[in-house]
Amino acid sequence: MRDFSWKYFAMTGDVDAYLLYKDSQGTAELVSNTSAEEEAAEYEENE
């Protein structure tokens, strides 16, 4: 979905497509940050 929204934005200049792209990027970062926090907590528990 992220690639599609970027390509659509690049072809059309549609602001909504860009906002969708940015929103999907923020969601991906949020998921990745959550995973890092969970890994850190698990590491601390194992020590």
N, C-alpha and C. Protein backbone atom coordinates (compact mmCIF):
# COMPACT_ATOMS: atom_id res chain seq x y z
N MET A 1 0.83 -1.19 0.00
CA MET A 1 0.00 0.00 0.00
C MET A 1 0.87 1.25 0.00
N ARG A 2 1.97 1.19 0.73
CA ARG A 2 2.85 2.34 0.83
C ARG A 2 3.45 2.70 -0.54
N ASP A 3 3.93 1.68 -1.26
CA ASP A 3 4.51 1.94 -2.58
C ASP A 3 3.46 2.48 -3.54
N PHE A 4 2.26 1.91 -3.48
CA PHE A 4 1.20 2.37 -4.37
C PHE A 4 0.87 3.83 -4.11
N SER A 5 0.73 4.20 -2.84
CA SER A 5 0.35 5.58 -2.54
C SER A 5 1.44 6.55 -2.98
N TRP A 6 2.72 6.15 -2.86
CA TRP A 6 3.80 7.03 -3.30
C TRP A 6 3.79 7.18 -4.82
N LYS A 7 3.63 6.06 -5.53
CA LYS A 7 3.62 6.11 -6.99
C LYS A 7 2.43 6.93 -7.49
N TYR A 8 1.28 6.74 -6.85
CA TYR A 8 0.09 7.51 -7.23
C TYR A 8 0.32 9.00 -6.99
N PHE A 9 0.92 9.33 -5.85
CA PHE A 9 1.23 10.74 -5.56
C PHE A 9 2.21 11.30 -6.59
N ALA A 10 3.23 10.53 -6.92
CA ALA A 10 4.23 11.00 -7.88
C ALA A 10 3.61 11.25 -9.26
N MET A 11 2.68 10.42 -9.64
CA MET A 11 2.05 10.57 -10.96
C MET A 11 1.01 11.68 -10.99
N THR A 12 0.28 11.85 -9.89
CA THR A 12 -0.86 12.77 -9.92
C THR A 12 -0.66 14.04 -9.09
N GLY A 13 0.20 13.98 -8.09
CA GLY A 13 0.35 15.12 -7.20
C GLY A 13 -0.78 15.22 -6.19
N ASP A 14 -1.55 14.15 -6.05
CA ASP A 14 -2.70 14.14 -5.14
C ASP A 14 -2.21 14.18 -3.68
N VAL A 15 -2.61 15.21 -2.96
CA VAL A 15 -2.19 15.41 -1.59
C VAL A 15 -2.67 14.27 -0.68
N ASP A 16 -3.87 13.78 -0.91
CA ASP A 16 -4.39 12.68 -0.10
C ASP A 16 -3.53 11.43 -0.23
N ALA A 17 -3.01 11.18 -1.41
CA ALA A 17 -2.13 10.02 -1.61
C ALA A 17 -0.84 10.21 -0.80
N TYR A 18 -0.33 11.44 -0.78
CA TYR A 18 0.87 11.72 0.00
C TYR A 18 0.61 11.55 1.49
N LEU A 19 -0.53 12.03 1.94
CA LEU A 19 -0.87 11.89 3.36
C LEU A 19 -1.03 10.42 3.74
N LEU A 20 -1.60 9.63 2.85
CA LEU A 20 -1.72 8.20 3.08
C LEU A 20 -0.34 7.56 3.17
N TYR A 21 0.57 7.98 2.28
CA TYR A 21 1.95 7.48 2.31
C TYR A 21 2.62 7.83 3.63
N LYS A 22 2.50 9.07 4.06
CA LYS A 22 3.12 9.49 5.32
C LYS A 22 2.50 8.77 6.51
N ASP A 23 1.19 8.56 6.49
CA ASP A 23 0.51 7.87 7.57
C ASP A 23 0.98 6.42 7.65
N SER A 24 1.16 5.77 6.52
CA SER A 24 1.62 4.38 6.53
C SER A 24 3.06 4.31 7.01
N GLN A 25 3.85 5.32 6.73
CA GLN A 25 5.23 5.36 7.20
C GLN A 25 5.28 5.51 8.71
N GLY A 26 4.43 6.36 9.25
CA GLY A 26 4.38 6.54 10.70
C GLY A 26 3.92 5.29 11.41
N THR A 27 2.99 4.58 10.82
CA THR A 27 2.51 3.33 11.39
C THR A 27 3.62 2.30 11.40
N ALA A 28 4.39 2.23 10.33
CA ALA A 28 5.49 1.27 10.26
C ALA A 28 6.54 1.59 11.33
N GLU A 29 6.83 2.87 11.54
CA GLU A 29 7.79 3.26 12.57
C GLU A 29 7.26 2.92 13.95
N LEU A 30 5.99 3.12 14.17
CA LEU A 30 5.38 2.82 15.46
C LEU A 30 5.50 1.33 15.76
N VAL A 31 5.22 0.50 14.77
CA VAL A 31 5.34 -0.96 14.95
C VAL A 31 6.77 -1.33 15.23
N SER A 32 7.72 -0.74 14.51
CA SER A 32 9.12 -1.06 14.71
C SER A 32 9.60 -0.59 16.08
N ASN A 33 9.16 0.57 16.56
CA ASN A 33 9.53 1.04 17.88
C ASN A 33 8.96 0.14 18.97
N THR A 34 7.74 -0.30 18.79
CA THR A 34 7.12 -1.20 19.76
C THR A 34 7.91 -2.50 19.84
N SER A 35 8.33 -3.02 18.71
CA SER A 35 9.11 -4.25 18.70
C SER A 35 10.42 -4.06 19.43
N ALA A 36 11.07 -2.93 19.25
CA ALA A 36 12.33 -2.66 19.92
C ALA A 36 12.13 -2.59 21.43
N GLU A 37 11.04 -1.96 21.86
CA GLU A 37 10.75 -1.87 23.29
C GLU A 37 10.48 -3.26 23.87
N GLU A 38 9.74 -4.07 23.13
CA GLU A 38 9.45 -5.43 23.61
C GLU A 38 10.72 -6.25 23.69
N GLU A 39 11.61 -6.11 22.71
CA GLU A 39 12.87 -6.84 22.74
C GLU A 39 13.72 -6.41 23.93
N ALA A 40 13.74 -5.12 24.22
CA ALA A 40 14.52 -4.63 25.36
C ALA A 40 13.97 -5.17 26.67
N ALA A 41 12.65 -5.20 26.80
CA ALA A 41 12.03 -5.72 28.02
C ALA A 41 12.32 -7.22 28.17
N GLU A 42 12.25 -7.94 27.07
CA GLU A 42 12.54 -9.38 27.11
C GLU A 42 14.00 -9.63 27.47
N TYR A 43 14.90 -8.81 26.95
CA TYR A 43 16.32 -8.95 27.25
C TYR A 43 16.59 -8.72 28.74
N GLU A 44 15.94 -7.70 29.29
CA GLU A 44 16.12 -7.40 30.71
C GLU A 44 15.58 -8.53 31.58
N GLU A 45 14.48 -9.15 31.17
CA GLU A 45 13.92 -10.25 31.93
C GLU A 45 14.83 -11.47 31.94
N ASN A 46 15.56 -11.67 30.85
CA ASN A 46 16.41 -12.85 30.73
C ASN A 46 17.75 -12.70 31.45
N GLU A 47 18.10 -11.51 31.86
CA GLU A 47 19.38 -11.34 32.55
C GLU A 47 19.27 -11.62 34.02
